[in-house]
Structures are given as C-alpha cells and as structure tokens.
Amino acid sequence: MPLGLIMGLGRAFRRKRTASLDILSPKRAPRNFYKGKNCKPTGFHTRKGGYVVVQDKLPNYVVPDLTDFRLKPYVSQCSKEVKTAESAESTK
C-alpha cells in the first residue's frame, strides 16, 4: 500500500505544466505586453499621437526593366522537354 502511494506521488511530479508550454500571447501576458507581428518599424510616434515615416527605414525594391524579355514569370512543374536548335548543337 505505501508503495502505491509513493508511485502516485512520483507520477504527479513528472506531469508537465501546461501553462509553461503555451505560446505567450497578449491575452496571457501582463497588461502592457505587446507581441507584434515580427515587423520592423518604419518610423516613430510623436508626443502628440502622430506617426512620422522615415524614408531610410522603408524597403527599397530594385526591379530590372523586363521589356522584350522572352521568359514568362511562371514556370510549370510539369514542363515538357522541347528540343531546340541550340540544345541540339550543345549535345554534339
């Protein structure tokens, strides 16, 4: 009988705490906790409640000129093998 009691206490201590395994969210965190969406800020807040966007913090995408470009933007995963004159010359 005492052995069963000791075994039961051992199982109780081995049980994982569910609260420590949960993902921390603003609902479970302190009142002033703000998790965010893993985005970098593009500016800063002013004292009067406004927001100033800093141009240096905005992403700058450089896109080349694609006029008269032969390839299409989509490549099919089920593409068919097409033999051209250029590929025939390279295999010889």
Protein backbone atom coordinates (compact mmCIF):
# COMPACT_ATOMS: atom_id res chain seq x y z
CA MET A 1 0.00 0.00 0.00
CA PRO A 2 2.70 2.61 0.80
CA LEU A 3 4.47 1.66 -2.43
CA GLY A 4 1.40 2.62 -4.47
CA LEU A 5 1.20 5.97 -2.69
CA ILE A 6 4.84 6.71 -3.45
CA MET A 7 4.37 5.74 -7.11
CA GLY A 8 1.36 8.04 -7.37
CA LEU A 9 3.35 10.97 -5.95
CA GLY A 10 6.13 10.30 -8.45
CA ARG A 11 3.69 10.48 -11.37
CA ALA A 12 2.28 13.75 -10.08
CA PHE A 13 5.71 15.38 -10.07
CA ARG A 14 6.53 14.14 -13.58
CA ARG A 15 3.44 15.76 -15.10
CA LYS A 16 4.24 18.71 -17.36
CA ARG A 17 2.80 22.08 -16.54
CA THR A 18 0.50 23.14 -19.34
CA ALA A 19 0.81 26.86 -18.64
CA SER A 20 4.55 26.85 -19.31
CA LEU A 21 4.09 25.08 -22.66
CA ASP A 22 1.56 27.55 -24.08
CA ILE A 23 2.59 30.18 -26.58
CA LEU A 24 2.86 33.59 -24.95
CA SER A 25 0.12 35.84 -26.29
CA PRO A 26 -1.07 39.29 -25.20
CA LYS A 27 -4.10 37.67 -23.53
CA ARG A 28 -1.92 35.54 -21.24
CA ALA A 29 0.82 38.11 -20.67
CA PRO A 30 0.99 41.21 -18.45
CA ARG A 31 -1.23 44.17 -19.27
CA ASN A 32 1.42 46.23 -21.13
CA PHE A 33 2.80 43.31 -23.20
CA TYR A 34 2.75 43.84 -26.99
CA LYS A 35 3.95 40.93 -29.08
CA GLY A 36 3.82 42.46 -32.54
CA LYS A 37 3.97 40.65 -35.88
CA ASN A 38 7.77 40.41 -36.26
CA CYS A 39 7.87 43.55 -38.43
CA LYS A 40 10.47 46.27 -38.28
CA PRO A 41 9.16 49.77 -37.57
CA THR A 42 9.12 52.23 -40.49
CA GLY A 43 9.14 55.34 -38.32
CA PHE A 44 8.37 56.64 -34.85
CA HIS A 45 5.49 58.02 -32.79
CA THR A 46 5.40 61.71 -31.87
CA ARG A 47 4.39 63.12 -28.49
CA LYS A 48 1.09 64.38 -29.87
CA GLY A 49 -0.04 61.00 -31.19
CA GLY A 50 1.18 61.28 -34.76
CA TYR A 51 3.47 58.95 -36.67
CA VAL A 52 6.46 60.03 -38.75
CA VAL A 53 7.60 57.68 -41.53
CA VAL A 54 11.38 57.63 -42.05
CA GLN A 55 12.25 57.05 -45.71
CA ASP A 56 15.51 55.28 -44.83
CA LYS A 57 13.56 52.58 -42.97
CA LEU A 58 11.20 51.79 -45.88
CA PRO A 59 12.10 48.78 -48.04
CA ASN A 60 13.62 49.68 -51.41
CA TYR A 61 12.99 47.11 -54.16
CA VAL A 62 15.15 47.31 -57.28
CA VAL A 63 13.35 45.76 -60.25
CA PRO A 64 15.14 45.45 -63.61
CA ASP A 65 13.49 46.53 -66.86
CA LEU A 66 11.85 43.41 -68.31
CA THR A 67 10.61 44.76 -71.64
CA ASP A 68 11.30 42.39 -74.56
CA PHE A 69 12.08 39.56 -72.11
CA ARG A 70 11.45 36.12 -73.61
CA LEU A 71 10.71 34.11 -70.47
CA LYS A 72 7.40 34.13 -68.64
CA PRO A 73 7.21 34.71 -64.88
CA TYR A 74 5.62 31.30 -64.21
CA VAL A 75 7.44 28.00 -64.67
CA SER A 76 5.28 24.90 -64.64
CA GLN A 77 6.37 21.92 -62.54
CA CYS A 78 5.08 19.61 -65.29
CA SER A 79 7.11 21.14 -68.10
CA LYS A 80 7.58 19.28 -71.36
CA GLU A 81 11.01 18.75 -72.85
CA VAL A 82 11.36 20.85 -76.00
CA LYS A 83 14.30 20.28 -78.32
CA THR A 84 15.61 23.41 -79.98
CA ALA A 85 18.47 24.04 -82.37
CA GLU A 86 20.62 25.48 -79.57
CA SER A 87 20.21 22.41 -77.35
CA ALA A 88 20.94 20.07 -80.28
CA GLU A 89 24.21 21.88 -81.01
CA SER A 90 25.34 21.76 -77.37
CA THR A 91 24.84 17.96 -77.17
CA LYS A 92 27.04 17.28 -80.21
